[in-house]
Amino acid sequence: MNSKKVFYGMLGAIVLLSALIIATTVMGDKILHKQSEKLVSLKLDNEVIDAQQTSLAQAKKDIKKYNGLKDLAKQIVPQEKDQ
């Protein structure tokens, strides 16, 4: 083997490794973006569920709070349609 063949072989290996590094970086970036979008979506879903749970808890408190008002409204409003 002469030095020219070794030089071209090393140059080809460097180009191949550089291309491999760039391809790996690009694929990794795509995977990270995809996972990031998934994480953001899951966090948004979690916030929506938390807001719904808070709203449900408040609605249950309101039902307990205004339960007496229902009985009072039945006493005030006549139950018969013919007055």
PDB file of N, CA and C in Angstrom:
ATOM      1  N   MET A   1       0.849  -1.188   0.000  1.00  0.00           N
ATOM      2  CA  MET A   1       0.000   0.000   0.000  1.00  0.00           C
ATOM      3  C   MET A   1       0.885   1.239   0.000  1.00  0.00           C
ATOM      4  N   ASN A   2       0.528   2.117  -0.854  1.00  0.00           N
ATOM      5  CA  ASN A   2       1.287   3.362  -0.861  1.00  0.00           C
ATOM      6  C   ASN A   2       0.543   4.421  -0.053  1.00  0.00           C
ATOM      7  N   SER A   3       1.170   5.529   0.146  1.00  0.00           N
ATOM      8  CA  SER A   3       0.618   6.572   1.010  1.00  0.00           C
ATOM      9  C   SER A   3      -0.630   7.222   0.413  1.00  0.00           C
ATOM     10  N   LYS A   4      -0.766   7.245  -0.903  1.00  0.00           N
ATOM     11  CA  LYS A   4      -1.951   7.835  -1.531  1.00  0.00           C
ATOM     12  C   LYS A   4      -3.207   7.028  -1.200  1.00  0.00           C
ATOM     13  N   LYS A   5      -3.125   5.723  -1.237  1.00  0.00           N
ATOM     14  CA  LYS A   5      -4.277   4.868  -0.923  1.00  0.00           C
ATOM     15  C   LYS A   5      -4.670   5.009   0.542  1.00  0.00           C
ATOM     16  N   VAL A   6      -3.683   5.090   1.407  1.00  0.00           N
ATOM     17  CA  VAL A   6      -3.966   5.264   2.835  1.00  0.00           C
ATOM     18  C   VAL A   6      -4.621   6.612   3.078  1.00  0.00           C
ATOM     19  N   PHE A   7      -4.112   7.650   2.395  1.00  0.00           N
ATOM     20  CA  PHE A   7      -4.686   8.993   2.533  1.00  0.00           C
ATOM     21  C   PHE A   7      -6.141   9.008   2.078  1.00  0.00           C
ATOM     22  N   TYR A   8      -6.438   8.441   0.919  1.00  0.00           N
ATOM     23  CA  TYR A   8      -7.812   8.420   0.413  1.00  0.00           C
ATOM     24  C   TYR A   8      -8.712   7.532   1.286  1.00  0.00           C
ATOM     25  N   GLY A   9      -8.157   6.473   1.796  1.00  0.00           N
ATOM     26  CA  GLY A   9      -8.930   5.620   2.703  1.00  0.00           C
ATOM     27  C   GLY A   9      -9.286   6.341   3.986  1.00  0.00           C
ATOM     28  N   MET A  10      -8.309   7.052   4.562  1.00  0.00           N
ATOM     29  CA  MET A  10      -8.564   7.834   5.780  1.00  0.00           C
ATOM     30  C   MET A  10      -9.536   8.982   5.507  1.00  0.00           C
ATOM     31  N   LEU A  11      -9.375   9.622   4.349  1.00  0.00           N
ATOM     32  CA  LEU A  11     -10.276  10.718   3.984  1.00  0.00           C
ATOM     33  C   LEU A  11     -11.701  10.198   3.821  1.00  0.00           C
ATOM     34  N   GLY A  12     -11.852   9.052   3.180  1.00  0.00           N
ATOM     35  CA  GLY A  12     -13.177   8.444   3.024  1.00  0.00           C
ATOM     36  C   GLY A  12     -13.775   8.064   4.370  1.00  0.00           C
ATOM     37  N   ALA A  13     -12.961   7.550   5.278  1.00  0.00           N
ATOM     38  CA  ALA A  13     -13.455   7.190   6.610  1.00  0.00           C
ATOM     39  C   ALA A  13     -13.907   8.425   7.378  1.00  0.00           C
ATOM     40  N   ILE A  14     -13.147   9.513   7.256  1.00  0.00           N
ATOM     41  CA  ILE A  14     -13.511  10.760   7.942  1.00  0.00           C
ATOM     42  C   ILE A  14     -14.824  11.314   7.383  1.00  0.00           C
ATOM     43  N   VAL A  15     -14.982  11.294   6.067  1.00  0.00           N
ATOM     44  CA  VAL A  15     -16.222  11.773   5.439  1.00  0.00           C
ATOM     45  C   VAL A  15     -17.393  10.900   5.869  1.00  0.00           C
ATOM     46  N   LEU A  16     -17.182   9.599   5.878  1.00  0.00           N
ATOM     47  CA  LEU A  16     -18.242   8.674   6.276  1.00  0.00           C
ATOM     48  C   LEU A  16     -18.641   8.881   7.734  1.00  0.00           C
ATOM     49  N   LEU A  17     -17.655   9.016   8.596  1.00  0.00           N
ATOM     50  CA  LEU A  17     -17.954   9.261  10.012  1.00  0.00           C
ATOM     51  C   LEU A  17     -18.628  10.612  10.224  1.00  0.00           C
ATOM     52  N   SER A  18     -18.204  11.627   9.484  1.00  0.00           N
ATOM     53  CA  SER A  18     -18.844  12.944   9.587  1.00  0.00           C
ATOM     54  C   SER A  18     -20.305  12.868   9.152  1.00  0.00           C
ATOM     55  N   ALA A  19     -20.559  12.174   8.059  1.00  0.00           N
ATOM     56  CA  ALA A  19     -21.941  12.015   7.589  1.00  0.00           C
ATOM     57  C   ALA A  19     -22.767  11.246   8.607  1.00  0.00           C
ATOM     58  N   LEU A  20     -22.163  10.246   9.215  1.00  0.00           N
ATOM     59  CA  LEU A  20     -22.857   9.461  10.230  1.00  0.00           C
ATOM     60  C   LEU A  20     -23.183  10.306  11.464  1.00  0.00           C
ATOM     61  N   ILE A  21     -22.257  11.144  11.863  1.00  0.00           N
ATOM     62  CA  ILE A  21     -22.491  12.025  13.016  1.00  0.00           C
ATOM     63  C   ILE A  21     -23.609  13.017  12.713  1.00  0.00           C
ATOM     64  N   ILE A  22     -23.583  13.594  11.521  1.00  0.00           N
ATOM     65  CA  ILE A  22     -24.628  14.557  11.143  1.00  0.00           C
ATOM     66  C   ILE A  22     -25.993  13.870  11.070  1.00  0.00           C
ATOM     67  N   ALA A  23     -26.046  12.685  10.469  1.00  0.00           N
ATOM     68  CA  ALA A  23     -27.320  11.957  10.363  1.00  0.00           C
ATOM     69  C   ALA A  23     -27.849  11.598  11.750  1.00  0.00           C
ATOM     70  N   THR A  24     -26.961  11.171  12.636  1.00  0.00           N
ATOM     71  CA  THR A  24     -27.378  10.830  14.002  1.00  0.00           C
ATOM     72  C   THR A  24     -27.907  12.060  14.735  1.00  0.00           C
ATOM     73  N   THR A  25     -27.242  13.184  14.545  1.00  0.00           N
ATOM     74  CA  THR A  25     -27.686  14.423  15.189  1.00  0.00           C
ATOM     75  C   THR A  25     -29.060  14.843  14.681  1.00  0.00           C
ATOM     76  N   VAL A  26     -29.267  14.773  13.372  1.00  0.00           N
ATOM     77  CA  VAL A  26     -30.556  15.169  12.791  1.00  0.00           C
ATOM     78  C   VAL A  26     -31.665  14.234  13.267  1.00  0.00           C
ATOM     79  N   MET A  27     -31.412  12.937  13.263  1.00  0.00           N
ATOM     80  CA  MET A  27     -32.432  11.980  13.720  1.00  0.00           C
ATOM     81  C   MET A  27     -32.731  12.168  15.211  1.00  0.00           C
ATOM     82  N   GLY A  28     -31.695  12.395  15.997  1.00  0.00           N
ATOM     83  CA  GLY A  28     -31.896  12.637  17.424  1.00  0.00           C
ATOM     84  C   GLY A  28     -32.713  13.886  17.663  1.00  0.00           C
ATOM     85  N   ASP A  29     -32.457  14.933  16.883  1.00  0.00           N
ATOM     86  CA  ASP A  29     -33.212  16.172  17.016  1.00  0.00           C
ATOM     87  C   ASP A  29     -34.682  15.954  16.679  1.00  0.00           C
ATOM     88  N   LYS A  30     -34.953  15.182  15.632  1.00  0.00           N
ATOM     89  CA  LYS A  30     -36.343  14.885  15.268  1.00  0.00           C
ATOM     90  C   LYS A  30     -37.049  14.111  16.381  1.00  0.00           C
ATOM     91  N   ILE A  31     -36.344  13.139  16.941  1.00  0.00           N
ATOM     92  CA  ILE A  31     -36.932  12.343  18.025  1.00  0.00           C
ATOM     93  C   ILE A  31     -37.204  13.224  19.240  1.00  0.00           C
ATOM     94  N   LEU A  32     -36.260  14.105  19.568  1.00  0.00           N
ATOM     95  CA  LEU A  32     -36.459  15.003  20.708  1.00  0.00           C
ATOM     96  C   LEU A  32     -37.627  15.956  20.486  1.00  0.00           C
ATOM     97  N   HIS A  33     -37.783  16.461  19.262  1.00  0.00           N
ATOM     98  CA  HIS A  33     -38.922  17.342  18.971  1.00  0.00           C
ATOM     99  C   HIS A  33     -40.243  16.587  19.121  1.00  0.00           C
ATOM    100  N   LYS A  34     -40.272  15.370  18.646  1.00  0.00           N
ATOM    101  CA  LYS A  34     -41.487  14.565  18.735  1.00  0.00           C
ATOM    102  C   LYS A  34     -41.843  14.295  20.204  1.00  0.00           C
ATOM    103  N   GLN A  35     -40.840  13.944  20.996  1.00  0.00           N
ATOM    104  CA  GLN A  35     -41.072  13.674  22.416  1.00  0.00           C
ATOM    105  C   GLN A  35     -41.472  14.957  23.148  1.00  0.00           C
ATOM    106  N   SER A  36     -40.880  16.076  22.741  1.00  0.00           N
ATOM    107  CA  SER A  36     -41.225  17.357  23.350  1.00  0.00           C
ATOM    108  C   SER A  36     -42.681  17.711  23.082  1.00  0.00           C
ATOM    109  N   GLU A  37     -43.130  17.527  21.853  1.00  0.00           N
ATOM    110  CA  GLU A  37     -44.532  17.804  21.520  1.00  0.00           C
ATOM    111  C   GLU A  37     -45.463  16.893  22.312  1.00  0.00           C
ATOM    112  N   LYS A  38     -45.074  15.641  22.458  1.00  0.00           N
ATOM    113  CA  LYS A  38     -45.886  14.698  23.224  1.00  0.00           C
ATOM    114  C   LYS A  38     -45.961  15.125  24.686  1.00  0.00           C
ATOM    115  N   LEU A  39     -44.829  15.562  25.245  1.00  0.00           N
ATOM    116  CA  LEU A  39     -44.796  16.001  26.638  1.00  0.00           C
ATOM    117  C   LEU A  39     -45.651  17.243  26.849  1.00  0.00           C
ATOM    118  N   VAL A  40     -45.565  18.187  25.926  1.00  0.00           N
ATOM    119  CA  VAL A  40     -46.376  19.408  26.031  1.00  0.00           C
ATOM    120  C   VAL A  40     -47.857  19.060  25.964  1.00  0.00           C
ATOM    121  N   SER A  41     -48.217  18.149  25.072  1.00  0.00           N
ATOM    122  CA  SER A  41     -49.613  17.732  24.949  1.00  0.00           C
ATOM    123  C   SER A  41     -50.102  17.058  26.229  1.00  0.00           C
ATOM    124  N   LEU A  42     -49.279  16.199  26.800  1.00  0.00           N
ATOM    125  CA  LEU A  42     -49.669  15.518  28.036  1.00  0.00           C
ATOM    126  C   LEU A  42     -49.778  16.495  29.199  1.00  0.00           C
ATOM    127  N   LYS A  43     -48.884  17.476  29.254  1.00  0.00           N
ATOM    128  CA  LYS A  43     -48.969  18.479  30.319  1.00  0.00           C
ATOM    129  C   LYS A  43     -50.237  19.322  30.176  1.00  0.00           C
ATOM    130  N   LEU A  44     -50.595  19.653  28.940  1.00  0.00           N
ATOM    131  CA  LEU A  44     -51.817  20.415  28.699  1.00  0.00           C
ATOM    132  C   LEU A  44     -53.038  19.600  29.115  1.00  0.00           C
ATOM    133  N   ASP A  45     -53.052  18.330  28.757  1.00  0.00           N
ATOM    134  CA  ASP A  45     -54.152  17.454  29.172  1.00  0.00           C
ATOM    135  C   ASP A  45     -54.240  17.374  30.694  1.00  0.00           C
ATOM    136  N   ASN A  46     -53.092  17.303  31.344  1.00  0.00           N
ATOM    137  CA  ASN A  46     -53.054  17.241  32.799  1.00  0.00           C
ATOM    138  C   ASN A  46     -53.623  18.518  33.414  1.00  0.00           C
ATOM    139  N   GLU A  47     -53.275  19.675  32.859  1.00  0.00           N
ATOM    140  CA  GLU A  47     -53.800  20.942  33.366  1.00  0.00           C
ATOM    141  C   GLU A  47     -55.313  21.018  33.173  1.00  0.00           C
ATOM    142  N   VAL A  48     -55.803  20.543  32.035  1.00  0.00           N
ATOM    143  CA  VAL A  48     -57.246  20.554  31.772  1.00  0.00           C
ATOM    144  C   VAL A  48     -57.959  19.654  32.780  1.00  0.00           C
ATOM    145  N   ILE A  49     -57.403  18.483  33.035  1.00  0.00           N
ATOM    146  CA  ILE A  49     -58.012  17.560  33.995  1.00  0.00           C
ATOM    147  C   ILE A  49     -57.997  18.162  35.402  1.00  0.00           C
ATOM    148  N   ASP A  50     -56.902  18.817  35.774  1.00  0.00           N
ATOM    149  CA  ASP A  50     -56.838  19.465  37.085  1.00  0.00           C
ATOM    150  C   ASP A  50     -57.895  20.564  37.213  1.00  0.00           C
ATOM    151  N   ALA A  51     -58.071  21.334  36.135  1.00  0.00           N
ATOM    152  CA  ALA A  51     -59.090  22.396  36.158  1.00  0.00           C
ATOM    153  C   ALA A  51     -60.488  21.794  36.273  1.00  0.00           C
ATOM    154  N   GLN A  52     -60.725  20.681  35.587  1.00  0.00           N
ATOM    155  CA  GLN A  52     -62.026  20.028  35.675  1.00  0.00           C
ATOM    156  C   GLN A  52     -62.266  19.474  37.076  1.00  0.00           C
ATOM    157  N   GLN A  53     -61.235  18.922  37.696  1.00  0.00           N
ATOM    158  CA  GLN A  53     -61.376  18.404  39.053  1.00  0.00           C
ATOM    159  C   GLN A  53     -61.682  19.535  40.032  1.00  0.00           C
ATOM    160  N   THR A  54     -61.000  20.658  39.856  1.00  0.00           N
ATOM    161  CA  THR A  54     -61.258  21.813  40.717  1.00  0.00           C
ATOM    162  C   THR A  54     -62.686  22.312  40.531  1.00  0.00           C
ATOM    163  N   SER A  55     -63.122  22.372  39.283  1.00  0.00           N
ATOM    164  CA  SER A  55     -64.482  22.815  38.989  1.00  0.00           C
ATOM    165  C   SER A  55     -65.510  21.852  39.578  1.00  0.00           C
ATOM    166  N   LEU A  56     -65.243  20.554  39.479  1.00  0.00           N
ATOM    167  CA  LEU A  56     -66.152  19.557  40.036  1.00  0.00           C
ATOM    168  C   LEU A  56     -66.229  19.666  41.556  1.00  0.00           C
ATOM    169  N   ALA A  57     -65.095  19.872  42.197  1.00  0.00           N
ATOM    170  CA  ALA A  57     -65.082  20.029  43.653  1.00  0.00           C
ATOM    171  C   ALA A  57     -65.878  21.265  44.061  1.00  0.00           C
ATOM    172  N   GLN A  58     -65.725  22.356  43.313  1.00  0.00           N
ATOM    173  CA  GLN A  58     -66.471  23.578  43.616  1.00  0.00           C
ATOM    174  C   GLN A  58     -67.964  23.359  43.386  1.00  0.00           C
ATOM    175  N   ALA A  59     -68.323  22.626  42.339  1.00  0.00           N
ATOM    176  CA  ALA A  59     -69.738  22.344  42.067  1.00  0.00           C
ATOM    177  C   ALA A  59     -70.342  21.503  43.182  1.00  0.00           C
ATOM    178  N   LYS A  60     -69.592  20.537  43.703  1.00  0.00           N
ATOM    179  CA  LYS A  60     -70.087  19.721  44.818  1.00  0.00           C
ATOM    180  C   LYS A  60     -70.293  20.575  46.062  1.00  0.00           C
ATOM    181  N   LYS A  61     -69.382  21.511  46.317  1.00  0.00           N
ATOM    182  CA  LYS A  61     -69.535  22.415  47.458  1.00  0.00           C
ATOM    183  C   LYS A  61     -70.770  23.297  47.282  1.00  0.00           C
ATOM    184  N   ASP A  62     -70.981  23.772  46.044  1.00  0.00           N
ATOM    185  CA  ASP A  62     -72.144  24.618  45.774  1.00  0.00           C
ATOM    186  C   ASP A  62     -73.448  23.847  45.950  1.00  0.00           C
ATOM    187  N   ILE A  63     -73.455  22.577  45.564  1.00  0.00           N
ATOM    188  CA  ILE A  63     -74.658  21.752  45.734  1.00  0.00           C
ATOM    189  C   ILE A  63     -74.989  21.624  47.220  1.00  0.00           C
ATOM    190  N   LYS A  64     -73.972  21.370  48.026  1.00  0.00           N
ATOM    191  CA  LYS A  64     -74.205  21.269  49.472  1.00  0.00           C
ATOM    192  C   LYS A  64     -74.644  22.612  50.056  1.00  0.00           C
ATOM    193  N   LYS A  65     -74.062  23.671  49.549  1.00  0.00           N
ATOM    194  CA  LYS A  65     -74.345  25.006  50.080  1.00  0.00           C
ATOM    195  C   LYS A  65     -75.781  25.438  49.760  1.00  0.00           C
ATOM    196  N   TYR A  66     -76.232  25.175  48.543  1.00  0.00           N
ATOM    197  CA  TYR A  66     -77.538  25.648  48.108  1.00  0.00           C
ATOM    198  C   TYR A  66     -78.618  24.582  48.172  1.00  0.00           C
ATOM    199  N   ASN A  67     -78.390  23.496  48.859  1.00  0.00           N
ATOM    200  CA  ASN A  67     -79.376  22.438  48.972  1.00  0.00           C
ATOM    201  C   ASN A  67     -80.625  22.923  49.729  1.00  0.00           C
ATOM    202  N   GLY A  68     -80.436  23.734  50.753  1.00  0.00           N
ATOM    203  CA  GLY A  68     -81.563  24.292  51.490  1.00  0.00           C
ATOM    204  C   GLY A  68     -82.389  25.249  50.650  1.00  0.00           C
ATOM    205  N   LEU A  69     -81.766  25.907  49.722  1.00  0.00           N
ATOM    206  CA  LEU A  69     -82.464  26.846  48.849  1.00  0.00           C
ATOM    207  C   LEU A  69     -83.466  26.112  47.959  1.00  0.00           C
ATOM    208  N   LYS A  70     -83.159  24.882  47.600  1.00  0.00           N
ATOM    209  CA  LYS A  70     -84.069  24.077  46.790  1.00  0.00           C
ATOM    210  C   LYS A  70     -85.369  23.812  47.557  1.00  0.00           C
ATOM    211  N   ASP A  71     -85.232  23.436  48.824  1.00  0.00           N
ATOM    212  CA  ASP A  71     -86.419  23.192  49.640  1.00  0.00           C
ATOM    213  C   ASP A  71     -87.237  24.463  49.829  1.00  0.00           C
ATOM    214  N   LEU A  72     -86.565  25.578  50.025  1.00  0.00           N
ATOM    215  CA  LEU A  72     -87.252  26.854  50.191  1.00  0.00           C
ATOM    216  C   LEU A  72     -87.997  27.240  48.913  1.00  0.00           C
ATOM    217  N   ALA A  73     -87.396  26.999  47.765  1.00  0.00           N
ATOM    218  CA  ALA A  73     -88.048  27.311  46.491  1.00  0.00           C
ATOM    219  C   ALA A  73     -89.283  26.436  46.291  1.00  0.00           C
ATOM    220  N   LYS A  74     -89.242  25.184  46.726  1.00  0.00           N
ATOM    221  CA  LYS A  74     -90.416  24.315  46.615  1.00  0.00           C
ATOM    222  C   LYS A  74     -91.551  24.815  47.494  1.00  0.00           C
ATOM    223  N   GLN A  75     -91.231  25.387  48.636  1.00  0.00           N
ATOM    224  CA  GLN A  75     -92.272  25.900  49.530  1.00  0.00           C
ATOM    225  C   GLN A  75     -92.896  27.175  48.974  1.00  0.00           C
ATOM    226  N   ILE A  76     -92.089  28.021  48.348  1.00  0.00           N
ATOM    227  CA  ILE A  76     -92.589  29.309  47.854  1.00  0.00           C
ATOM    228  C   ILE A  76     -93.369  29.143  46.560  1.00  0.00           C
ATOM    229  N   VAL A  77     -92.843  28.395  45.612  1.00  0.00           N
ATOM    230  CA  VAL A  77     -93.480  28.230  44.317  1.00  0.00           C
ATOM    231  C   VAL A  77     -94.566  27.172  44.452  1.00  0.00           C
ATOM    232  N   PRO A  78     -95.781  27.473  43.991  1.00  0.00           N
ATOM    233  CA  PRO A  78     -96.844  26.475  44.085  1.00  0.00           C
ATOM    234  C   PRO A  78     -96.553  25.274  43.192  1.00  0.00           C
ATOM    235  N   GLN A  79     -96.869  24.081  43.690  1.00  0.00           N
ATOM    236  CA  GLN A  79     -96.569  22.860  42.961  1.00  0.00           C
ATOM    237  C   GLN A  79     -97.643  22.513  41.924  1.00  0.00           C
ATOM    238  N   GLU A  80     -98.842  23.030  42.123  1.00  0.00           N
ATOM    239  CA  GLU A  80     -99.909  22.772  41.174  1.00  0.00           C
ATOM    240  C   GLU A  80     -99.856  23.761  40.023  1.00  0.00           C
ATOM    241  N   LYS A  81    -100.190  23.301  38.855  1.00  0.00           N
ATOM    242  CA  LYS A  81    -100.134  24.168  37.687  1.00  0.00           C
ATOM    243  C   LYS A  81    -101.327  25.115  37.647  1.00  0.00           C
ATOM    244  N   ASP A  82    -102.471  24.675  38.137  1.00  0.00           N
ATOM    245  CA  ASP A  82    -103.672  25.529  38.156  1.00  0.00           C
ATOM    246  C   ASP A  82    -103.637  26.381  39.413  1.00  0.00           C
ATOM    247  N   GLN A  83    -103.681  27.686  39.217  1.00  0.00           N
ATOM    248  CA  GLN A  83    -103.621  28.568  40.374  1.00  0.00           C
ATOM    249  C   GLN A  83    -104.992  29.192  40.619  1.00  0.00           C
TER     250      GLN A  83
END
